[in-house]
Amino acid sequence: MDNAQQQLIWLYLDNLQVQVTEMGHKQVWPDWRDLDYTPDYNKFYLICDGEGWLKIGDKEYAPKPGQLFLMPQGVKQSYSYTDGPRFTKYWCHFTAKVGENNLFNLLKVPVFLESGLEGEPKRLFRELLSCQSGTSLTAPLLVKAAMMKLIAYYVEHAATDVAGVEPAAVSKPLQAVIEYIHLNYYRNLTIDELAERAHLHPNYFIRVFKRHFGTSPIQYVNRKRIEEVKWLLTSTNLLLAEIGANVGIPDISYLSKLFKSSTGLSPIAYRLAHHPAPPLNHR
């Protein structure tokens, strides 16, 4: 995975919104069967024991205990019991949105992982279920946090799988804009300039960009700049004015305000926290 792909994946994950609709742990019913339906939610199945049959898209699977399956939203699928002992599984239904897109339309990931029966997925499912049954005021947040951990586990471990993880193909106009931002973030980029790269009207371009990436074009440019500021603060002895000039924000006051709104720290405080020895030319 190259740096541009990783940056794009981070962008998706940073703007991810999740909602859990159902979850459980049990043996499936004797009539557990549904053919050729297309759900408007994603599903995770962690197979504990038993036998069954799944079809995702046009591929068929006979899941084994210890396998964690992803059945994505918007993909035709089927499931059924077989003649053997019925599945016992942990399961959940959830949405995972980046803007208006399902995360798993934006990322290419394998449909199952070999996770083992006593590993992290089982612990994460138990955490998810315990949050669901909680009565605390923050229970909905805890459910979302647990779901985020489960998605993070899947994406992280999918990256080490033979199939790996990579962003799905982005439309050529949007890909051109992302590449242009990465090469020119230090310049005074405007919406009109970026929209021209995508061959779209500026107002429509903003809507399309946010619909796909979950953030506005200018927010994305500033995020790229702030990431570069963080790197320069911790890896160089450049003065803040020099850093600002390097990233396209020469106004030190505005840079400090933008940086603090993003990180909660001033640039100097961030440098001291991550680069304790004061730079020789710091003043």
Protein backbone atom coordinates (compact mmCIF):
# COMPACT_ATOMS: atom_id res chain seq x y z
CA MET A 1 0.00 0.00 0.00
CA ASP A 2 1.49 3.35 -0.98
CA ASN A 3 1.24 6.53 1.07
CA ALA A 4 -1.55 8.04 -1.05
CA GLN A 5 -3.70 4.93 -0.53
CA GLN A 6 -3.07 4.97 3.21
CA GLN A 7 -3.96 8.65 3.42
CA LEU A 8 -7.22 7.97 1.59
CA ILE A 9 -8.10 5.08 3.92
CA TRP A 10 -7.36 7.29 6.93
CA LEU A 11 -9.66 9.93 5.47
CA TYR A 12 -12.48 7.41 5.17
CA LEU A 13 -11.99 6.04 8.69
CA ASP A 14 -11.69 9.51 10.20
CA ASN A 15 -15.15 10.39 8.83
CA LEU A 16 -16.81 7.06 9.59
CA GLN A 17 -20.27 7.05 11.19
CA VAL A 18 -21.65 3.78 12.56
CA GLN A 19 -25.05 2.62 13.71
CA VAL A 20 -25.73 -0.83 15.19
CA THR A 21 -29.24 -2.16 14.57
CA GLU A 22 -29.15 -5.78 15.81
CA MET A 23 -26.70 -8.12 17.55
CA GLY A 24 -26.68 -11.45 19.31
CA HIS A 25 -25.05 -14.76 20.15
CA LYS A 26 -27.04 -17.94 19.67
CA GLN A 27 -27.58 -21.07 17.62
CA VAL A 28 -29.50 -20.33 14.43
CA TRP A 29 -33.11 -21.46 14.06
CA PRO A 30 -33.91 -24.77 12.32
CA ASP A 31 -35.46 -22.79 9.44
CA TRP A 32 -32.53 -20.32 9.20
CA ARG A 33 -32.64 -19.57 5.49
CA ASP A 34 -33.03 -16.61 3.14
CA LEU A 35 -32.11 -16.58 -0.53
CA ASP A 36 -31.08 -13.82 -2.93
CA TYR A 37 -31.86 -10.78 -0.81
CA THR A 38 -29.97 -7.48 -0.67
CA PRO A 39 -29.74 -5.96 2.82
CA ASP A 40 -29.44 -2.23 3.49
CA TYR A 41 -27.00 -2.94 6.32
CA ASN A 42 -23.71 -4.80 6.82
CA LYS A 43 -23.36 -7.99 8.85
CA PHE A 44 -20.55 -9.60 10.79
CA TYR A 45 -20.79 -13.32 11.58
CA LEU A 46 -18.26 -14.91 13.94
CA ILE A 47 -18.79 -18.65 13.59
CA CYS A 48 -18.42 -20.53 16.90
CA ASP A 49 -19.42 -24.04 15.84
CA GLY A 50 -21.74 -25.95 13.55
CA GLU A 51 -22.26 -25.89 9.81
CA GLY A 52 -24.06 -23.70 7.31
CA TRP A 53 -23.91 -22.09 3.90
CA LEU A 54 -23.44 -18.51 2.75
CA LYS A 55 -23.48 -16.88 -0.65
CA ILE A 56 -22.07 -13.37 -1.05
CA GLY A 57 -22.44 -11.96 -4.53
CA ASP A 58 -21.83 -14.92 -6.81
CA LYS A 59 -19.46 -16.81 -4.46
CA GLU A 60 -20.49 -19.59 -2.09
CA TYR A 61 -18.91 -20.36 1.29
CA ALA A 62 -19.10 -23.08 3.93
CA PRO A 63 -17.90 -21.10 6.97
CA LYS A 64 -15.85 -22.89 9.63
CA PRO A 65 -15.57 -22.20 13.36
CA GLY A 66 -13.19 -19.32 14.03
CA GLN A 67 -13.91 -17.50 10.77
CA LEU A 68 -15.21 -13.93 10.88
CA PHE A 69 -17.40 -13.11 7.87
CA LEU A 70 -18.38 -9.73 6.48
CA MET A 71 -21.60 -9.61 4.47
CA PRO A 72 -21.68 -6.09 2.98
CA GLN A 73 -24.64 -3.79 2.56
CA GLY A 74 -26.08 -3.60 -0.94
CA VAL A 75 -24.65 -6.96 -2.09
CA LYS A 76 -27.00 -9.80 -3.04
CA GLN A 77 -26.55 -12.67 -0.59
CA SER A 78 -28.05 -15.86 0.76
CA TYR A 79 -27.71 -18.02 3.85
CA SER A 80 -29.04 -21.40 4.87
CA TYR A 81 -28.77 -24.30 7.29
CA THR A 82 -27.35 -27.58 6.02
CA ASP A 83 -27.81 -31.21 7.03
CA GLY A 84 -25.15 -30.92 9.76
CA PRO A 85 -25.37 -29.32 13.20
CA ARG A 86 -26.62 -25.74 13.00
CA PHE A 87 -24.37 -22.71 13.35
CA THR A 88 -23.79 -21.07 16.68
CA LYS A 89 -22.47 -17.59 16.02
CA TYR A 90 -21.93 -14.09 17.24
CA TRP A 91 -23.54 -11.63 14.83
CA CYS A 92 -24.39 -7.99 14.36
CA HIS A 93 -26.13 -5.80 11.78
CA PHE A 94 -24.72 -2.32 11.32
CA THR A 95 -24.29 0.60 8.96
CA ALA A 96 -20.87 2.15 8.38
CA LYS A 97 -21.15 5.39 6.43
CA VAL A 98 -18.57 7.78 5.03
CA GLY A 99 -20.62 10.64 3.70
CA GLU A 100 -23.37 8.82 1.81
CA ASN A 101 -21.24 5.75 1.03
CA ASN A 102 -20.93 2.40 2.75
CA LEU A 103 -17.37 2.00 4.05
CA PHE A 104 -17.10 -1.39 2.40
CA ASN A 105 -17.90 0.10 -0.99
CA LEU A 106 -14.94 2.43 -0.49
CA LEU A 107 -12.52 -0.26 0.72
CA LYS A 108 -11.63 -3.54 -0.93
CA VAL A 109 -11.43 -6.11 1.86
CA PRO A 110 -11.73 -9.92 1.97
CA VAL A 111 -15.13 -11.29 2.94
CA PHE A 112 -13.76 -13.35 5.82
CA LEU A 113 -10.80 -13.60 8.20
CA GLU A 114 -9.36 -16.54 10.07
CA SER A 115 -9.67 -15.19 13.61
CA GLY A 116 -9.72 -18.24 15.88
CA LEU A 117 -12.28 -19.03 18.56
CA GLU A 118 -10.63 -17.50 21.62
CA GLY A 119 -9.13 -14.38 20.08
CA GLU A 120 -9.90 -10.68 19.92
CA PRO A 121 -13.13 -10.85 17.83
CA LYS A 122 -14.85 -12.97 20.47
CA ARG A 123 -13.83 -10.50 23.18
CA LEU A 124 -15.02 -7.58 21.03
CA PHE A 125 -18.40 -9.21 20.39
CA ARG A 126 -18.81 -9.82 24.12
CA GLU A 127 -17.99 -6.16 24.76
CA LEU A 128 -20.55 -5.13 22.15
CA LEU A 129 -23.25 -7.31 23.70
CA SER A 130 -22.48 -6.10 27.22
CA CYS A 131 -22.81 -2.49 26.03
CA GLN A 132 -26.19 -3.29 24.46
CA SER A 133 -27.51 -4.64 27.73
CA GLY A 134 -26.16 -1.69 29.70
CA THR A 135 -28.50 0.86 31.25
CA SER A 136 -26.05 3.74 31.64
CA LEU A 137 -26.73 7.14 30.14
CA THR A 138 -23.84 6.65 27.72
CA ALA A 139 -24.84 3.15 26.56
CA PRO A 140 -25.50 4.25 22.93
CA LEU A 141 -22.00 5.75 22.75
CA LEU A 142 -20.46 2.63 24.24
CA VAL A 143 -22.22 0.47 21.64
CA LYS A 144 -20.84 2.65 18.84
CA ALA A 145 -17.37 2.59 20.37
CA ALA A 146 -17.44 -1.20 20.59
CA MET A 147 -18.65 -1.43 16.99
CA MET A 148 -15.83 0.86 15.89
CA LYS A 149 -13.34 -1.47 17.59
CA LEU A 150 -14.79 -4.46 15.75
CA ILE A 151 -14.59 -2.67 12.39
CA ALA A 152 -11.05 -1.52 13.21
CA TYR A 153 -10.05 -5.11 13.99
CA TYR A 154 -11.46 -6.30 10.69
CA VAL A 155 -9.80 -3.63 8.55
CA GLU A 156 -6.45 -3.88 10.38
CA HIS A 157 -6.27 -7.66 10.11
CA ALA A 158 -7.58 -7.66 6.57
CA ALA A 159 -4.52 -5.55 5.72
CA THR A 160 -2.28 -8.46 6.75
CA ASP A 161 -4.35 -10.97 4.79
CA VAL A 162 -3.12 -12.18 1.42
CA ALA A 163 -5.88 -10.18 -0.29
CA GLY A 164 -4.97 -7.06 1.71
CA VAL A 165 -6.88 -3.79 1.94
CA GLU A 166 -6.91 -0.99 -0.57
CA PRO A 167 -9.25 1.85 -1.48
CA ALA A 168 -11.80 1.03 -4.14
CA ALA A 169 -11.36 2.92 -7.37
CA VAL A 170 -12.26 6.58 -7.00
CA SER A 171 -13.76 8.35 -10.00
CA LYS A 172 -11.05 9.85 -12.17
CA PRO A 173 -12.14 13.47 -11.54
CA LEU A 174 -12.09 13.03 -7.75
CA GLN A 175 -8.84 11.07 -7.89
CA ALA A 176 -7.33 13.91 -9.90
CA VAL A 177 -8.43 16.39 -7.22
CA ILE A 178 -6.98 14.29 -4.36
CA GLU A 179 -3.66 13.93 -6.18
CA TYR A 180 -3.63 17.65 -6.97
CA ILE A 181 -4.23 18.52 -3.30
CA HIS A 182 -1.42 16.23 -2.17
CA LEU A 183 0.98 17.89 -4.61
CA ASN A 184 -0.18 21.49 -4.07
CA TYR A 185 -1.53 21.78 -0.51
CA TYR A 186 1.12 24.45 0.22
CA ARG A 187 -0.44 26.77 -2.36
CA ASN A 188 -3.50 29.00 -1.90
CA LEU A 189 -5.93 26.46 -3.31
CA THR A 190 -9.46 27.63 -4.10
CA ILE A 191 -12.72 25.79 -4.68
CA ASP A 192 -12.84 27.10 -8.24
CA GLU A 193 -9.37 25.71 -8.93
CA LEU A 194 -10.19 22.29 -7.47
CA ALA A 195 -13.58 22.16 -9.21
CA GLU A 196 -11.89 22.90 -12.51
CA ARG A 197 -9.66 19.86 -11.98
CA ALA A 198 -12.79 17.73 -11.58
CA HIS A 199 -14.55 19.44 -14.53
CA LEU A 200 -17.49 20.28 -12.27
CA HIS A 201 -19.35 23.43 -11.28
CA PRO A 202 -17.93 24.61 -7.92
CA ASN A 203 -21.20 24.19 -5.98
CA TYR A 204 -21.83 20.74 -7.40
CA PHE A 205 -18.18 19.79 -6.85
CA ILE A 206 -18.46 20.58 -3.12
CA ARG A 207 -21.53 18.35 -2.80
CA VAL A 208 -19.96 15.47 -4.74
CA PHE A 209 -16.71 15.66 -2.76
CA LYS A 210 -18.48 15.69 0.61
CA ARG A 211 -20.87 12.92 -0.44
CA HIS A 212 -17.92 10.67 -1.30
CA PHE A 213 -15.36 11.56 1.37
CA GLY A 214 -17.53 12.78 4.24
CA THR A 215 -15.72 16.13 4.45
CA SER A 216 -15.56 19.31 2.38
CA PRO A 217 -12.69 20.01 -0.05
CA ILE A 218 -11.31 22.88 2.05
CA GLN A 219 -11.52 20.81 5.23
CA TYR A 220 -9.55 18.12 3.45
CA VAL A 221 -6.91 20.62 2.30
CA ASN A 222 -6.56 21.99 5.81
CA ARG A 223 -6.33 18.49 7.26
CA LYS A 224 -3.49 17.73 4.90
CA ARG A 225 -1.77 20.97 5.92
CA ILE A 226 -2.18 20.26 9.64
CA GLU A 227 -0.71 16.77 9.22
CA GLU A 228 2.30 18.34 7.53
CA VAL A 229 2.58 20.93 10.32
CA LYS A 230 2.62 18.13 12.91
CA TRP A 231 5.43 16.40 11.06
CA LEU A 232 7.49 19.58 10.70
CA LEU A 233 6.99 20.51 14.36
CA THR A 234 8.30 17.17 15.57
CA SER A 235 10.98 16.42 12.99
CA THR A 236 12.57 19.82 12.33
CA ASN A 237 13.67 22.94 14.18
CA LEU A 238 11.86 25.27 11.79
CA LEU A 239 10.20 28.34 13.24
CA LEU A 240 6.41 28.49 13.11
CA ALA A 241 6.57 31.22 10.45
CA GLU A 242 8.74 28.96 8.30
CA ILE A 243 6.39 26.03 8.81
CA GLY A 244 3.41 28.18 7.88
CA ALA A 245 5.11 29.28 4.68
CA ASN A 246 5.89 25.65 3.83
CA VAL A 247 2.29 24.47 4.20
CA GLY A 248 0.48 27.41 2.63
CA ILE A 249 -0.68 29.20 5.80
CA PRO A 250 1.68 32.16 6.17
CA ASP A 251 -0.58 33.90 8.72
CA ILE A 252 0.85 32.59 12.03
CA SER A 253 -2.21 33.68 14.01
CA TYR A 254 -4.58 31.81 11.68
CA LEU A 255 -2.28 28.78 11.60
CA SER A 256 -2.19 28.63 15.40
CA LYS A 257 -5.97 28.93 15.60
CA LEU A 258 -6.54 26.24 12.97
CA PHE A 259 -3.97 23.94 14.58
CA LYS A 260 -5.49 24.29 18.05
CA SER A 261 -9.02 23.69 16.76
CA SER A 262 -7.76 20.46 15.18
CA THR A 263 -5.50 19.14 17.96
CA GLY A 264 -6.51 20.98 21.13
CA LEU A 265 -2.94 22.23 21.50
CA SER A 266 -1.07 25.25 20.24
CA PRO A 267 1.76 24.48 17.79
CA ILE A 268 4.38 25.25 20.45
CA ALA A 269 2.66 23.06 23.04
CA TYR A 270 2.41 20.26 20.49
CA ARG A 271 6.13 20.55 19.69
CA LEU A 272 7.08 20.46 23.36
CA ALA A 273 4.84 17.44 23.97
CA HIS A 274 6.28 15.47 21.06
CA HIS A 275 9.76 16.96 20.81
CA PRO A 276 10.73 17.69 24.45
CA ALA A 277 14.20 19.08 23.75
CA PRO A 278 13.74 22.76 22.74
CA PRO A 279 14.99 23.45 19.21
CA LEU A 280 18.22 25.42 19.12
CA ASN A 281 16.69 28.29 17.19
CA HIS A 282 13.36 28.25 19.04
CA ARG A 283 12.24 31.62 20.31
